[in-house]
Amino acid sequence: AIVRRLATDGAKVAFTYAASRAPADQLRSE
């Protein structure tokens, strides 16, 4: 939710994940 909000407000966002890659790929694509 934080990643989405920062992106919506115009920021370029990098985010880390530790386990499954699938949710990270989905969020990045979204």
PDB file of all heavy atoms in Angstrom:
ATOM      1  N   ALA A   1       0.835  -1.212   0.000  1.00  0.00           N
ATOM      2  CA  ALA A   1       0.000   0.000   0.000  1.00  0.00           C
ATOM      3  C   ALA A   1       0.863   1.253   0.000  1.00  0.00           C
ATOM      4  O   ALA A   1       0.533   2.249  -0.654  1.00  0.00           O
ATOM      5  CB  ALA A   1      -0.926  -0.011   1.219  1.00  0.00           C
ATOM      6  N   ILE A   2       1.975   1.215   0.723  1.00  0.00           N
ATOM      7  CA  ILE A   2       2.891   2.356   0.747  1.00  0.00           C
ATOM      8  C   ILE A   2       3.515   2.564  -0.624  1.00  0.00           C
ATOM      9  O   ILE A   2       3.599   3.696  -1.126  1.00  0.00           O
ATOM     10  CB  ILE A   2       3.973   2.148   1.821  1.00  0.00           C
ATOM     11  CG1 ILE A   2       3.351   2.188   3.216  1.00  0.00           C
ATOM     12  CG2 ILE A   2       5.075   3.202   1.685  1.00  0.00           C
ATOM     13  CD1 ILE A   2       4.285   1.761   4.326  1.00  0.00           C
ATOM     14  N   VAL A   3       3.951   1.475  -1.254  1.00  0.00           N
ATOM     15  CA  VAL A   3       4.534   1.578  -2.588  1.00  0.00           C
ATOM     16  C   VAL A   3       3.529   2.194  -3.556  1.00  0.00           C
ATOM     17  O   VAL A   3       3.857   3.109  -4.328  1.00  0.00           O
ATOM     18  CB  VAL A   3       4.992   0.192  -3.088  1.00  0.00           C
ATOM     19  CG1 VAL A   3       5.374   0.240  -4.564  1.00  0.00           C
ATOM     20  CG2 VAL A   3       6.172  -0.311  -2.262  1.00  0.00           C
ATOM     21  N   ARG A   4       2.292   1.719  -3.518  1.00  0.00           N
ATOM     22  CA  ARG A   4       1.250   2.248  -4.419  1.00  0.00           C
ATOM     23  C   ARG A   4       1.019   3.741  -4.174  1.00  0.00           C
ATOM     24  O   ARG A   4       0.908   4.524  -5.113  1.00  0.00           O
ATOM     25  CB  ARG A   4      -0.057   1.485  -4.220  1.00  0.00           C
ATOM     26  CG  ARG A   4      -0.044   0.050  -4.733  1.00  0.00           C
ATOM     27  CD  ARG A   4      -1.433  -0.564  -4.654  1.00  0.00           C
ATOM     28  NE  ARG A   4      -1.432  -1.930  -5.135  1.00  0.00           N
ATOM     29  CZ  ARG A   4      -1.352  -2.997  -4.329  1.00  0.00           C
ATOM     30  NH1 ARG A   4      -1.302  -2.828  -3.009  1.00  0.00           N
ATOM     31  NH2 ARG A   4      -1.342  -4.217  -4.835  1.00  0.00           N
ATOM     32  N   ARG A   5       0.932   4.132  -2.911  1.00  0.00           N
ATOM     33  CA  ARG A   5       0.631   5.532  -2.604  1.00  0.00           C
ATOM     34  C   ARG A   5       1.779   6.451  -3.025  1.00  0.00           C
ATOM     35  O   ARG A   5       1.548   7.520  -3.615  1.00  0.00           O
ATOM     36  CB  ARG A   5       0.355   5.684  -1.111  1.00  0.00           C
ATOM     37  CG  ARG A   5       0.100   7.129  -0.668  1.00  0.00           C
ATOM     38  CD  ARG A   5      -1.081   7.755  -1.420  1.00  0.00           C
ATOM     39  NE  ARG A   5      -1.213   9.162  -1.101  1.00  0.00           N
ATOM     40  CZ  ARG A   5      -2.062   9.649  -0.193  1.00  0.00           C
ATOM     41  NH1 ARG A   5      -2.837   8.823   0.496  1.00  0.00           N
ATOM     42  NH2 ARG A   5      -2.135  10.935   0.038  1.00  0.00           N
ATOM     43  N   LEU A   6       3.009   6.059  -2.742  1.00  0.00           N
ATOM     44  CA  LEU A   6       4.135   6.892  -3.140  1.00  0.00           C
ATOM     45  C   LEU A   6       4.204   7.033  -4.653  1.00  0.00           C
ATOM     46  O   LEU A   6       4.470   8.120  -5.182  1.00  0.00           O
ATOM     47  CB  LEU A   6       5.440   6.311  -2.594  1.00  0.00           C
ATOM     48  CG  LEU A   6       5.587   6.264  -1.069  1.00  0.00           C
ATOM     49  CD1 LEU A   6       6.943   5.684  -0.689  1.00  0.00           C
ATOM     50  CD2 LEU A   6       5.400   7.635  -0.440  1.00  0.00           C
ATOM     51  N   ALA A   7       3.934   5.928  -5.363  1.00  0.00           N
ATOM     52  CA  ALA A   7       3.931   5.978  -6.827  1.00  0.00           C
ATOM     53  C   ALA A   7       2.797   6.860  -7.340  1.00  0.00           C
ATOM     54  O   ALA A   7       2.980   7.648  -8.281  1.00  0.00           O
ATOM     55  CB  ALA A   7       3.818   4.570  -7.399  1.00  0.00           C
ATOM     56  N   THR A   8       1.629   6.744  -6.735  1.00  0.00           N
ATOM     57  CA  THR A   8       0.486   7.580  -7.125  1.00  0.00           C
ATOM     58  C   THR A   8       0.796   9.059  -6.930  1.00  0.00           C
ATOM     59  O   THR A   8       0.364   9.905  -7.725  1.00  0.00           O
ATOM     60  CB  THR A   8      -0.752   7.195  -6.301  1.00  0.00           C
ATOM     61  OG1 THR A   8      -1.113   5.845  -6.595  1.00  0.00           O
ATOM     62  CG2 THR A   8      -1.935   8.111  -6.617  1.00  0.00           C
ATOM     63  N   ASP A   9       1.562   9.357  -5.881  1.00  0.00           N
ATOM     64  CA  ASP A   9       1.917  10.748  -5.599  1.00  0.00           C
ATOM     65  C   ASP A   9       3.106  11.232  -6.418  1.00  0.00           C
ATOM     66  O   ASP A   9       3.601  12.343  -6.203  1.00  0.00           O
ATOM     67  CB  ASP A   9       2.208  10.921  -4.104  1.00  0.00           C
ATOM     68  CG  ASP A   9       0.939  10.934  -3.274  1.00  0.00           C
ATOM     69  OD1 ASP A   9      -0.162  10.907  -3.868  1.00  0.00           O
ATOM     70  OD2 ASP A   9       1.032  10.969  -2.029  1.00  0.00           O
ATOM     71  N   GLY A  10       3.580  10.406  -7.354  1.00  0.00           N
ATOM     72  CA  GLY A  10       4.580  10.849  -8.307  1.00  0.00           C
ATOM     73  C   GLY A  10       5.991  10.363  -8.082  1.00  0.00           C
ATOM     74  O   GLY A  10       6.883  10.659  -8.887  1.00  0.00           O
ATOM     75  N   ALA A  11       6.245   9.622  -6.987  1.00  0.00           N
ATOM     76  CA  ALA A  11       7.605   9.169  -6.712  1.00  0.00           C
ATOM     77  C   ALA A  11       7.982   7.971  -7.581  1.00  0.00           C
ATOM     78  O   ALA A  11       7.128   7.175  -7.972  1.00  0.00           O
ATOM     79  CB  ALA A  11       7.750   8.795  -5.239  1.00  0.00           C
ATOM     80  N   LYS A  12       9.270   7.860  -7.876  1.00  0.00           N
ATOM     81  CA  LYS A  12       9.816   6.632  -8.428  1.00  0.00           C
ATOM     82  C   LYS A  12      10.155   5.743  -7.240  1.00  0.00           C
ATOM     83  O   LYS A  12      10.817   6.192  -6.300  1.00  0.00           O
ATOM     84  CB  LYS A  12      11.074   6.919  -9.247  1.00  0.00           C
ATOM     85  CG  LYS A  12      10.837   7.820 -10.449  1.00  0.00           C
ATOM     86  CD  LYS A  12      12.150   8.119 -11.160  1.00  0.00           C
ATOM     87  CE  LYS A  12      11.933   9.031 -12.361  1.00  0.00           C
ATOM     88  NZ  LYS A  12      13.228   9.372 -13.040  1.00  0.00           N
ATOM     89  N   VAL A  13       9.702   4.493  -7.270  1.00  0.00           N
ATOM     90  CA  VAL A  13       9.779   3.655  -6.080  1.00  0.00           C
ATOM     91  C   VAL A  13      10.520   2.352  -6.345  1.00  0.00           C
ATOM     92  O   VAL A  13      10.201   1.618  -7.285  1.00  0.00           O
ATOM     93  CB  VAL A  13       8.365   3.331  -5.544  1.00  0.00           C
ATOM     94  CG1 VAL A  13       8.473   2.604  -4.202  1.00  0.00           C
ATOM     95  CG2 VAL A  13       7.527   4.587  -5.399  1.00  0.00           C
ATOM     96  N   ALA A  14      11.485   2.066  -5.491  1.00  0.00           N
ATOM     97  CA  ALA A  14      12.098   0.745  -5.425  1.00  0.00           C
ATOM     98  C   ALA A  14      11.601   0.084  -4.149  1.00  0.00           C
ATOM     99  O   ALA A  14      11.362   0.766  -3.144  1.00  0.00           O
ATOM    100  CB  ALA A  14      13.616   0.849  -5.417  1.00  0.00           C
ATOM    101  N   PHE A  15      11.409  -1.211  -4.184  1.00  0.00           N
ATOM    102  CA  PHE A  15      10.973  -1.907  -2.971  1.00  0.00           C
ATOM    103  C   PHE A  15      11.635  -3.270  -2.888  1.00  0.00           C
ATOM    104  O   PHE A  15      11.954  -3.889  -3.902  1.00  0.00           O
ATOM    105  CB  PHE A  15       9.448  -2.033  -2.920  1.00  0.00           C
ATOM    106  CG  PHE A  15       8.836  -2.869  -4.017  1.00  0.00           C
ATOM    107  CD1 PHE A  15       8.588  -4.221  -3.834  1.00  0.00           C
ATOM    108  CD2 PHE A  15       8.497  -2.295  -5.239  1.00  0.00           C
ATOM    109  CE1 PHE A  15       8.017  -4.997  -4.839  1.00  0.00           C
ATOM    110  CE2 PHE A  15       7.924  -3.050  -6.251  1.00  0.00           C
ATOM    111  CZ  PHE A  15       7.683  -4.405  -6.050  1.00  0.00           C
ATOM    112  N   THR A  16      11.847  -3.724  -1.661  1.00  0.00           N
ATOM    113  CA  THR A  16      12.465  -5.021  -1.459  1.00  0.00           C
ATOM    114  C   THR A  16      11.418  -6.063  -1.105  1.00  0.00           C
ATOM    115  O   THR A  16      10.338  -5.748  -0.608  1.00  0.00           O
ATOM    116  CB  THR A  16      13.526  -4.986  -0.349  1.00  0.00           C
ATOM    117  OG1 THR A  16      12.890  -4.770   0.926  1.00  0.00           O
ATOM    118  CG2 THR A  16      14.562  -3.903  -0.606  1.00  0.00           C
ATOM    119  N   TYR A  17      11.761  -7.304  -1.389  1.00  0.00           N
ATOM    120  CA  TYR A  17      10.948  -8.437  -0.981  1.00  0.00           C
ATOM    121  C   TYR A  17      11.908  -9.543  -0.586  1.00  0.00           C
ATOM    122  O   TYR A  17      13.025  -9.629  -1.077  1.00  0.00           O
ATOM    123  CB  TYR A  17      10.013  -8.886  -2.106  1.00  0.00           C
ATOM    124  CG  TYR A  17      10.733  -9.457  -3.310  1.00  0.00           C
ATOM    125  CD1 TYR A  17      10.862 -10.834  -3.490  1.00  0.00           C
ATOM    126  CD2 TYR A  17      11.297  -8.613  -4.275  1.00  0.00           C
ATOM    127  CE1 TYR A  17      11.531 -11.352  -4.595  1.00  0.00           C
ATOM    128  CE2 TYR A  17      11.960  -9.123  -5.374  1.00  0.00           C
ATOM    129  CZ  TYR A  17      12.073 -10.486  -5.527  1.00  0.00           C
ATOM    130  OH  TYR A  17      12.741 -11.001  -6.613  1.00  0.00           O
ATOM    131  N   ALA A  18      11.465 -10.413   0.333  1.00  0.00           N
ATOM    132  CA  ALA A  18      12.363 -11.444   0.849  1.00  0.00           C
ATOM    133  C   ALA A  18      11.965 -12.852   0.439  1.00  0.00           C
ATOM    134  O   ALA A  18      12.798 -13.747   0.437  1.00  0.00           O
ATOM    135  CB  ALA A  18      12.427 -11.361   2.376  1.00  0.00           C
ATOM    136  N   ALA A  19      10.696 -13.050   0.090  1.00  0.00           N
ATOM    137  CA  ALA A  19      10.224 -14.407  -0.179  1.00  0.00           C
ATOM    138  C   ALA A  19       9.800 -14.557  -1.636  1.00  0.00           C
ATOM    139  O   ALA A  19      10.610 -14.440  -2.543  1.00  0.00           O
ATOM    140  CB  ALA A  19       9.077 -14.746   0.772  1.00  0.00           C
ATOM    141  N   SER A  20       8.508 -14.800  -1.860  1.00  0.00           N
ATOM    142  CA  SER A  20       8.009 -15.067  -3.205  1.00  0.00           C
ATOM    143  C   SER A  20       8.184 -13.872  -4.134  1.00  0.00           C
ATOM    144  O   SER A  20       7.892 -12.724  -3.768  1.00  0.00           O
ATOM    145  CB  SER A  20       6.525 -15.446  -3.138  1.00  0.00           C
ATOM    146  OG  SER A  20       5.977 -15.546  -4.432  1.00  0.00           O
ATOM    147  N   ARG A  21       8.628 -14.154  -5.355  1.00  0.00           N
ATOM    148  CA  ARG A  21       8.831 -13.093  -6.334  1.00  0.00           C
ATOM    149  C   ARG A  21       7.526 -12.677  -7.012  1.00  0.00           C
ATOM    150  O   ARG A  21       7.410 -11.538  -7.498  1.00  0.00           O
ATOM    151  CB  ARG A  21       9.832 -13.575  -7.392  1.00  0.00           C
ATOM    152  CG  ARG A  21      10.120 -12.555  -8.476  1.00  0.00           C
ATOM    153  CD  ARG A  21      11.197 -13.043  -9.423  1.00  0.00           C
ATOM    154  NE  ARG A  21      11.395 -12.130 -10.531  1.00  0.00           N
ATOM    155  CZ  ARG A  21      12.341 -12.270 -11.452  1.00  0.00           C
ATOM    156  NH1 ARG A  21      13.172 -13.303 -11.385  1.00  0.00           N
ATOM    157  NH2 ARG A  21      12.459 -11.391 -12.429  1.00  0.00           N
ATOM    158  N   ALA A  22       6.543 -13.583  -7.038  1.00  0.00           N
ATOM    159  CA  ALA A  22       5.322 -13.317  -7.799  1.00  0.00           C
ATOM    160  C   ALA A  22       4.596 -12.046  -7.354  1.00  0.00           C
ATOM    161  O   ALA A  22       4.219 -11.221  -8.206  1.00  0.00           O
ATOM    162  CB  ALA A  22       4.393 -14.524  -7.726  1.00  0.00           C
ATOM    163  N   PRO A  23       4.363 -11.824  -6.051  1.00  0.00           N
ATOM    164  CA  PRO A  23       3.678 -10.578  -5.653  1.00  0.00           C
ATOM    165  C   PRO A  23       4.476  -9.339  -6.019  1.00  0.00           C
ATOM    166  O   PRO A  23       3.898  -8.309  -6.367  1.00  0.00           O
ATOM    167  CB  PRO A  23       3.547 -10.719  -4.131  1.00  0.00           C
ATOM    168  CG  PRO A  23       3.638 -12.177  -3.866  1.00  0.00           C
ATOM    169  CD  PRO A  23       4.592 -12.704  -4.888  1.00  0.00           C
ATOM    170  N   ALA A  24       5.807  -9.439  -5.950  1.00  0.00           N
ATOM    171  CA  ALA A  24       6.652  -8.297  -6.317  1.00  0.00           C
ATOM    172  C   ALA A  24       6.525  -7.984  -7.797  1.00  0.00           C
ATOM    173  O   ALA A  24       6.402  -6.820  -8.198  1.00  0.00           O
ATOM    174  CB  ALA A  24       8.106  -8.589  -5.954  1.00  0.00           C
ATOM    175  N   ASP A  25       6.533  -9.029  -8.628  1.00  0.00           N
ATOM    176  CA  ASP A  25       6.379  -8.832 -10.072  1.00  0.00           C
ATOM    177  C   ASP A  25       5.018  -8.223 -10.395  1.00  0.00           C
ATOM    178  O   ASP A  25       4.902  -7.335 -11.247  1.00  0.00           O
ATOM    179  CB  ASP A  25       6.532 -10.163 -10.807  1.00  0.00           C
ATOM    180  CG  ASP A  25       7.975 -10.650 -10.832  1.00  0.00           C
ATOM    181  OD1 ASP A  25       8.876  -9.854 -10.528  1.00  0.00           O
ATOM    182  OD2 ASP A  25       8.192 -11.831 -11.160  1.00  0.00           O
ATOM    183  N   GLN A  26       3.993  -8.697  -9.710  1.00  0.00           N
ATOM    184  CA  GLN A  26       2.641  -8.198  -9.957  1.00  0.00           C
ATOM    185  C   GLN A  26       2.525  -6.720  -9.593  1.00  0.00           C
ATOM    186  O   GLN A  26       1.939  -5.926 -10.337  1.00  0.00           O
ATOM    187  CB  GLN A  26       1.626  -9.018  -9.152  1.00  0.00           C
ATOM    188  CG  GLN A  26       0.181  -8.597  -9.372  1.00  0.00           C
ATOM    189  CD  GLN A  26      -0.796  -9.480  -8.610  1.00  0.00           C
ATOM    190  OE1 GLN A  26      -0.415 -10.495  -8.030  1.00  0.00           O
ATOM    191  NE2 GLN A  26      -2.055  -9.097  -8.606  1.00  0.00           N
ATOM    192  N   LEU A  27       3.089  -6.349  -8.456  1.00  0.00           N
ATOM    193  CA  LEU A  27       3.019  -4.953  -8.017  1.00  0.00           C
ATOM    194  C   LEU A  27       3.813  -4.052  -8.958  1.00  0.00           C
ATOM    195  O   LEU A  27       3.352  -2.969  -9.327  1.00  0.00           O
ATOM    196  CB  LEU A  27       3.550  -4.832  -6.591  1.00  0.00           C
ATOM    197  CG  LEU A  27       3.562  -3.430  -5.980  1.00  0.00           C
ATOM    198  CD1 LEU A  27       2.162  -2.819  -5.954  1.00  0.00           C
ATOM    199  CD2 LEU A  27       4.154  -3.473  -4.565  1.00  0.00           C
ATOM    200  N   ARG A  28       4.982  -4.493  -9.354  1.00  0.00           N
ATOM    201  CA  ARG A  28       5.797  -3.707 -10.278  1.00  0.00           C
ATOM    202  C   ARG A  28       5.067  -3.485 -11.598  1.00  0.00           C
ATOM    203  O   ARG A  28       5.051  -2.373 -12.142  1.00  0.00           O
ATOM    204  CB  ARG A  28       7.138  -4.411 -10.524  1.00  0.00           C
ATOM    205  CG  ARG A  28       8.139  -3.557 -11.292  1.00  0.00           C
ATOM    206  CD  ARG A  28       9.438  -4.283 -11.559  1.00  0.00           C
ATOM    207  NE  ARG A  28       9.246  -5.387 -12.487  1.00  0.00           N
ATOM    208  CZ  ARG A  28       9.349  -6.664 -12.169  1.00  0.00           C
ATOM    209  NH1 ARG A  28       9.637  -7.021 -10.929  1.00  0.00           N
ATOM    210  NH2 ARG A  28       9.178  -7.611 -13.069  1.00  0.00           N
ATOM    211  N   SER A  29       4.433  -4.545 -12.100  1.00  0.00           N
ATOM    212  CA  SER A  29       3.684  -4.431 -13.355  1.00  0.00           C
ATOM    213  C   SER A  29       2.493  -3.495 -13.206  1.00  0.00           C
ATOM    214  O   SER A  29       2.200  -2.696 -14.106  1.00  0.00           O
ATOM    215  CB  SER A  29       3.215  -5.814 -13.800  1.00  0.00           C
ATOM    216  OG  SER A  29       4.297  -6.660 -14.085  1.00  0.00           O
ATOM    217  N   GLU A  30       1.807  -3.585 -12.084  1.00  0.00           N
ATOM    218  CA  GLU A  30       0.644  -2.733 -11.828  1.00  0.00           C
ATOM    219  C   GLU A  30       1.031  -1.259 -11.875  1.00  0.00           C
ATOM    220  O   GLU A  30       0.351  -0.441 -12.515  1.00  0.00           O
ATOM    221  CB  GLU A  30       0.069  -3.080 -10.458  1.00  0.00           C
ATOM    222  CG  GLU A  30      -1.048  -2.173  -9.974  1.00  0.00           C
ATOM    223  CD  GLU A  30      -1.414  -2.426  -8.525  1.00  0.00           C
ATOM    224  OE1 GLU A  30      -1.317  -3.585  -8.069  1.00  0.00           O
ATOM    225  OE2 GLU A  30      -1.788  -1.457  -7.838  1.00  0.00           O
TER     226      GLU A  30
END
